[in-house]
Amino acid sequence: MSSIILLWILVPAALFLTMALYVISIGFRTRNANLRGEPPVPAEPGPWPALLTVRGLNGPRK
């Protein structure tokens, strides 16, 4: 087998294994990460329903 053909086989295989190990390592590092935000808080009753709730904008103005 010539060296060019060997490189055509080994280089992509090495790149694939490197990327696969990288993705697996990220999965192990983030397996206990909490990606969920805080639970939603129901809007206070008022004359109109809240159409848009953005954190920090529903509170009283300073």
PDB file of N, CA and C in Angstrom:
ATOM      1  N   MET A   1       0.840  -1.173   0.000  1.00  0.00           N
ATOM      2  CA  MET A   1       0.000   0.000   0.000  1.00  0.00           C
ATOM      3  C   MET A   1       0.887   1.238   0.000  1.00  0.00           C
ATOM      4  N   SER A   2       0.617   2.139  -0.887  1.00  0.00           N
ATOM      5  CA  SER A   2       1.486   3.322  -0.946  1.00  0.00           C
ATOM      6  C   SER A   2       1.152   4.279   0.201  1.00  0.00           C
ATOM      7  N   SER A   3       2.062   5.159   0.458  1.00  0.00           N
ATOM      8  CA  SER A   3       1.891   6.071   1.594  1.00  0.00           C
ATOM      9  C   SER A   3       0.755   7.070   1.363  1.00  0.00           C
ATOM     10  N   ILE A   4       0.519   7.458   0.104  1.00  0.00           N
ATOM     11  CA  ILE A   4      -0.574   8.398  -0.187  1.00  0.00           C
ATOM     12  C   ILE A   4      -1.925   7.764   0.146  1.00  0.00           C
ATOM     13  N   ILE A   5      -2.111   6.524  -0.259  1.00  0.00           N
ATOM     14  CA  ILE A   5      -3.376   5.830   0.026  1.00  0.00           C
ATOM     15  C   ILE A   5      -3.532   5.632   1.530  1.00  0.00           C
ATOM     16  N   LEU A   6      -2.441   5.319   2.201  1.00  0.00           N
ATOM     17  CA  LEU A   6      -2.490   5.147   3.648  1.00  0.00           C
ATOM     18  C   LEU A   6      -2.886   6.455   4.338  1.00  0.00           C
ATOM     19  N   LEU A   7      -2.348   7.582   3.846  1.00  0.00           N
ATOM     20  CA  LEU A   7      -2.724   8.876   4.415  1.00  0.00           C
ATOM     21  C   LEU A   7      -4.191   9.198   4.150  1.00  0.00           C
ATOM     22  N   TRP A   8      -4.703   8.833   2.966  1.00  0.00           N
ATOM     23  CA  TRP A   8      -6.109   9.078   2.629  1.00  0.00           C
ATOM     24  C   TRP A   8      -7.035   8.303   3.562  1.00  0.00           C
ATOM     25  N   ILE A   9      -6.555   7.231   4.129  1.00  0.00           N
ATOM     26  CA  ILE A   9      -7.373   6.424   5.040  1.00  0.00           C
ATOM     27  C   ILE A   9      -7.162   6.851   6.496  1.00  0.00           C
ATOM     28  N   LEU A  10      -5.922   7.062   6.889  1.00  0.00           N
ATOM     29  CA  LEU A  10      -5.626   7.324   8.296  1.00  0.00           C
ATOM     30  C   LEU A  10      -5.968   8.741   8.750  1.00  0.00           C
ATOM     31  N   VAL A  11      -5.745   9.733   7.903  1.00  0.00           N
ATOM     32  CA  VAL A  11      -6.000  11.121   8.317  1.00  0.00           C
ATOM     33  C   VAL A  11      -7.488  11.353   8.591  1.00  0.00           C
ATOM     34  N   PRO A  12      -8.408  10.988   7.679  1.00  0.00           N
ATOM     35  CA  PRO A  12      -9.824  11.179   8.018  1.00  0.00           C
ATOM     36  C   PRO A  12     -10.262  10.354   9.232  1.00  0.00           C
ATOM     37  N   ALA A  13      -9.722   9.150   9.378  1.00  0.00           N
ATOM     38  CA  ALA A  13     -10.072   8.333  10.544  1.00  0.00           C
ATOM     39  C   ALA A  13      -9.596   8.999  11.833  1.00  0.00           C
ATOM     40  N   ALA A  14      -8.395   9.552  11.815  1.00  0.00           N
ATOM     41  CA  ALA A  14      -7.874  10.235  13.001  1.00  0.00           C
ATOM     42  C   ALA A  14      -8.690  11.489  13.308  1.00  0.00           C
ATOM     43  N   LEU A  15      -9.057  12.247  12.279  1.00  0.00           N
ATOM     44  CA  LEU A  15      -9.885  13.436  12.496  1.00  0.00           C
ATOM     45  C   LEU A  15     -11.250  13.059  13.062  1.00  0.00           C
ATOM     46  N   PHE A  16     -11.847  12.011  12.522  1.00  0.00           N
ATOM     47  CA  PHE A  16     -13.147  11.572  13.011  1.00  0.00           C
ATOM     48  C   PHE A  16     -13.060  11.142  14.475  1.00  0.00           C
ATOM     49  N   LEU A  17     -12.052  10.355  14.815  1.00  0.00           N
ATOM     50  CA  LEU A  17     -11.916   9.907  16.200  1.00  0.00           C
ATOM     51  C   LEU A  17     -11.643  11.072  17.146  1.00  0.00           C
ATOM     52  N   THR A  18     -10.860  12.048  16.693  1.00  0.00           N
ATOM     53  CA  THR A  18     -10.586  13.220  17.523  1.00  0.00           C
ATOM     54  C   THR A  18     -11.862  13.998  17.792  1.00  0.00           C
ATOM     55  N   MET A  19     -12.650  14.237  16.741  1.00  0.00           N
ATOM     56  CA  MET A  19     -13.904  14.975  16.919  1.00  0.00           C
ATOM     57  C   MET A  19     -14.903  14.186  17.769  1.00  0.00           C
ATOM     58  N   ALA A  20     -14.956  12.880  17.588  1.00  0.00           N
ATOM     59  CA  ALA A  20     -15.879  12.059  18.378  1.00  0.00           C
ATOM     60  C   ALA A  20     -15.499  12.103  19.859  1.00  0.00           C
ATOM     61  N   LEU A  21     -14.211  12.003  20.155  1.00  0.00           N
ATOM     62  CA  LEU A  21     -13.775  12.086  21.547  1.00  0.00           C
ATOM     63  C   LEU A  21     -14.031  13.465  22.135  1.00  0.00           C
ATOM     64  N   TYR A  22     -13.889  14.512  21.327  1.00  0.00           N
ATOM     65  CA  TYR A  22     -14.163  15.872  21.785  1.00  0.00           C
ATOM     66  C   TYR A  22     -15.639  16.029  22.149  1.00  0.00           C
ATOM     67  N   VAL A  23     -16.530  15.541  21.295  1.00  0.00           N
ATOM     68  CA  VAL A  23     -17.969  15.633  21.562  1.00  0.00           C
ATOM     69  C   VAL A  23     -18.339  14.813  22.790  1.00  0.00           C
ATOM     70  N   ILE A  24     -17.760  13.636  22.923  1.00  0.00           N
ATOM     71  CA  ILE A  24     -18.047  12.799  24.097  1.00  0.00           C
ATOM     72  C   ILE A  24     -17.552  13.475  25.371  1.00  0.00           C
ATOM     73  N   SER A  25     -16.386  14.108  25.306  1.00  0.00           N
ATOM     74  CA  SER A  25     -15.867  14.782  26.500  1.00  0.00           C
ATOM     75  C   SER A  25     -16.739  15.966  26.888  1.00  0.00           C
ATOM     76  N   ILE A  26     -17.266  16.699  25.909  1.00  0.00           N
ATOM     77  CA  ILE A  26     -18.186  17.797  26.222  1.00  0.00           C
ATOM     78  C   ILE A  26     -19.446  17.236  26.871  1.00  0.00           C
ATOM     79  N   GLY A  27     -19.928  16.113  26.366  1.00  0.00           N
ATOM     80  CA  GLY A  27     -21.103  15.490  26.961  1.00  0.00           C
ATOM     81  C   GLY A  27     -20.874  15.080  28.405  1.00  0.00           C
ATOM     82  N   PHE A  28     -19.703  14.539  28.706  1.00  0.00           N
ATOM     83  CA  PHE A  28     -19.415  14.147  30.082  1.00  0.00           C
ATOM     84  C   PHE A  28     -19.259  15.362  30.988  1.00  0.00           C
ATOM     85  N   ARG A  29     -18.657  16.442  30.469  1.00  0.00           N
ATOM     86  CA  ARG A  29     -18.464  17.624  31.303  1.00  0.00           C
ATOM     87  C   ARG A  29     -19.772  18.335  31.601  1.00  0.00           C
ATOM     88  N   THR A  30     -20.730  18.244  30.688  1.00  0.00           N
ATOM     89  CA  THR A  30     -21.986  18.977  30.866  1.00  0.00           C
ATOM     90  C   THR A  30     -23.154  18.062  31.215  1.00  0.00           C
ATOM     91  N   ARG A  31     -22.893  16.837  31.637  1.00  0.00           N
ATOM     92  CA  ARG A  31     -24.004  15.903  31.883  1.00  0.00           C
ATOM     93  C   ARG A  31     -24.873  16.332  33.053  1.00  0.00           C
ATOM     94  N   ASN A  32     -24.354  17.090  33.998  1.00  0.00           N
ATOM     95  CA  ASN A  32     -25.145  17.542  35.140  1.00  0.00           C
ATOM     96  C   ASN A  32     -25.543  19.007  35.025  1.00  0.00           C
ATOM     97  N   ALA A  33     -25.358  19.600  33.869  1.00  0.00           N
ATOM     98  CA  ALA A  33     -25.710  21.005  33.697  1.00  0.00           C
ATOM     99  C   ALA A  33     -27.227  21.156  33.670  1.00  0.00           C
ATOM    100  N   ASN A  34     -27.701  22.175  34.346  1.00  0.00           N
ATOM    101  CA  ASN A  34     -29.129  22.462  34.356  1.00  0.00           C
ATOM    102  C   ASN A  34     -29.402  23.502  33.278  1.00  0.00           C
ATOM    103  N   LEU A  35     -29.987  23.068  32.173  1.00  0.00           N
ATOM    104  CA  LEU A  35     -30.244  23.975  31.061  1.00  0.00           C
ATOM    105  C   LEU A  35     -31.628  24.607  31.138  1.00  0.00           C
ATOM    106  N   ARG A  36     -32.397  24.228  32.126  1.00  0.00           N
ATOM    107  CA  ARG A  36     -33.730  24.812  32.281  1.00  0.00           C
ATOM    108  C   ARG A  36     -33.626  26.087  33.096  1.00  0.00           C
ATOM    109  N   GLY A  37     -34.397  27.052  32.731  1.00  0.00           N
ATOM    110  CA  GLY A  37     -34.423  28.309  33.469  1.00  0.00           C
ATOM    111  C   GLY A  37     -35.301  28.191  34.704  1.00  0.00           C
ATOM    112  N   GLU A  38     -35.556  29.327  35.322  1.00  0.00           N
ATOM    113  CA  GLU A  38     -36.435  29.348  36.477  1.00  0.00           C
ATOM    114  C   GLU A  38     -37.857  29.056  36.029  1.00  0.00           C
ATOM    115  N   PRO A  39     -38.657  28.442  36.888  1.00  0.00           N
ATOM    116  CA  PRO A  39     -40.044  28.176  36.486  1.00  0.00           C
ATOM    117  C   PRO A  39     -40.800  29.484  36.282  1.00  0.00           C
ATOM    118  N   PRO A  40     -41.715  29.526  35.334  1.00  0.00           N
ATOM    119  CA  PRO A  40     -42.443  30.765  35.075  1.00  0.00           C
ATOM    120  C   PRO A  40     -43.337  31.142  36.254  1.00  0.00           C
ATOM    121  N   VAL A  41     -43.422  32.424  36.486  1.00  0.00           N
ATOM    122  CA  VAL A  41     -44.262  32.945  37.568  1.00  0.00           C
ATOM    123  C   VAL A  41     -45.536  33.482  36.935  1.00  0.00           C
ATOM    124  N   PRO A  42     -46.704  33.098  37.450  1.00  0.00           N
ATOM    125  CA  PRO A  42     -47.937  33.614  36.846  1.00  0.00           C
ATOM    126  C   PRO A  42     -48.036  35.125  37.008  1.00  0.00           C
ATOM    127  N   ALA A  43     -48.611  35.766  36.006  1.00  0.00           N
ATOM    128  CA  ALA A  43     -48.738  37.226  36.020  1.00  0.00           C
ATOM    129  C   ALA A  43     -49.758  37.647  37.071  1.00  0.00           C
ATOM    130  N   GLU A  44     -49.525  38.831  37.613  1.00  0.00           N
ATOM    131  CA  GLU A  44     -50.463  39.360  38.599  1.00  0.00           C
ATOM    132  C   GLU A  44     -51.748  39.771  37.895  1.00  0.00           C
ATOM    133  N   PRO A  45     -52.880  39.518  38.523  1.00  0.00           N
ATOM    134  CA  PRO A  45     -54.131  39.914  37.866  1.00  0.00           C
ATOM    135  C   PRO A  45     -54.220  41.427  37.743  1.00  0.00           C
ATOM    136  N   GLY A  46     -54.684  41.882  36.617  1.00  0.00           N
ATOM    137  CA  GLY A  46     -54.829  43.310  36.377  1.00  0.00           C
ATOM    138  C   GLY A  46     -55.924  43.553  35.363  1.00  0.00           C
ATOM    139  N   PRO A  47     -56.089  44.787  34.951  1.00  0.00           N
ATOM    140  CA  PRO A  47     -57.152  45.082  33.992  1.00  0.00           C
ATOM    141  C   PRO A  47     -56.885  44.477  32.613  1.00  0.00           C
ATOM    142  N   TRP A  48     -55.618  44.305  32.251  1.00  0.00           N
ATOM    143  CA  TRP A  48     -55.280  43.731  30.949  1.00  0.00           C
ATOM    144  C   TRP A  48     -54.330  42.563  31.146  1.00  0.00           C
ATOM    145  N   PRO A  49     -54.437  41.554  30.312  1.00  0.00           N
ATOM    146  CA  PRO A  49     -53.474  40.447  30.432  1.00  0.00           C
ATOM    147  C   PRO A  49     -52.088  40.893  29.972  1.00  0.00           C
ATOM    148  N   ALA A  50     -51.083  40.298  30.561  1.00  0.00           N
ATOM    149  CA  ALA A  50     -49.709  40.609  30.159  1.00  0.00           C
ATOM    150  C   ALA A  50     -49.437  39.953  28.813  1.00  0.00           C
ATOM    151  N   LEU A  51     -49.121  40.750  27.819  1.00  0.00           N
ATOM    152  CA  LEU A  51     -48.860  40.227  26.489  1.00  0.00           C
ATOM    153  C   LEU A  51     -47.416  39.780  26.334  1.00  0.00           C
ATOM    154  N   LEU A  52     -46.524  40.435  27.052  1.00  0.00           N
ATOM    155  CA  LEU A  52     -45.112  40.110  26.936  1.00  0.00           C
ATOM    156  C   LEU A  52     -44.494  40.190  28.318  1.00  0.00           C
ATOM    157  N   THR A  53     -43.833  39.145  28.710  1.00  0.00           N
ATOM    158  CA  THR A  53     -43.185  39.129  30.014  1.00  0.00           C
ATOM    159  C   THR A  53     -41.680  39.052  29.794  1.00  0.00           C
ATOM    160  N   VAL A  54     -40.990  40.098  30.201  1.00  0.00           N
ATOM    161  CA  VAL A  54     -39.535  40.145  30.105  1.00  0.00           C
ATOM    162  C   VAL A  54     -39.016  40.389  31.511  1.00  0.00           C
ATOM    163  N   ARG A  55     -38.037  39.626  31.920  1.00  0.00           N
ATOM    164  CA  ARG A  55     -37.518  39.754  33.276  1.00  0.00           C
ATOM    165  C   ARG A  55     -37.034  41.184  33.517  1.00  0.00           C
ATOM    166  N   GLY A  56     -37.527  41.768  34.575  1.00  0.00           N
ATOM    167  CA  GLY A  56     -37.095  43.107  34.946  1.00  0.00           C
ATOM    168  C   GLY A  56     -38.009  44.201  34.440  1.00  0.00           C
ATOM    169  N   LEU A  57     -38.884  43.930  33.480  1.00  0.00           N
ATOM    170  CA  LEU A  57     -39.743  44.976  32.942  1.00  0.00           C
ATOM    171  C   LEU A  57     -41.140  44.953  33.553  1.00  0.00           C
ATOM    172  N   ASN A  58     -41.517  43.888  34.265  1.00  0.00           N
ATOM    173  CA  ASN A  58     -42.841  43.833  34.865  1.00  0.00           C
ATOM    174  C   ASN A  58     -42.874  44.458  36.252  1.00  0.00           C
ATOM    175  N   GLY A  59     -41.725  44.752  36.804  1.00  0.00           N
ATOM    176  CA  GLY A  59     -41.682  45.339  38.137  1.00  0.00           C
ATOM    177  C   GLY A  59     -42.019  46.822  38.093  1.00  0.00           C
ATOM    178  N   PRO A  60     -42.123  47.431  39.257  1.00  0.00           N
ATOM    179  CA  PRO A  60     -42.429  48.873  39.292  1.00  0.00           C
ATOM    180  C   PRO A  60     -41.278  49.690  38.721  1.00  0.00           C
ATOM    181  N   ARG A  61     -41.624  50.797  38.119  1.00  0.00           N
ATOM    182  CA  ARG A  61     -40.586  51.690  37.570  1.00  0.00           C
ATOM    183  C   ARG A  61     -39.942  52.473  38.691  1.00  0.00           C
ATOM    184  N   LYS A  62     -38.669  52.733  38.540  1.00  0.00           N
ATOM    185  CA  LYS A  62     -37.941  53.471  39.581  1.00  0.00           C
ATOM    186  C   LYS A  62     -37.881  54.936  39.240  1.00  0.00           C
TER     187      LYS A  62
END
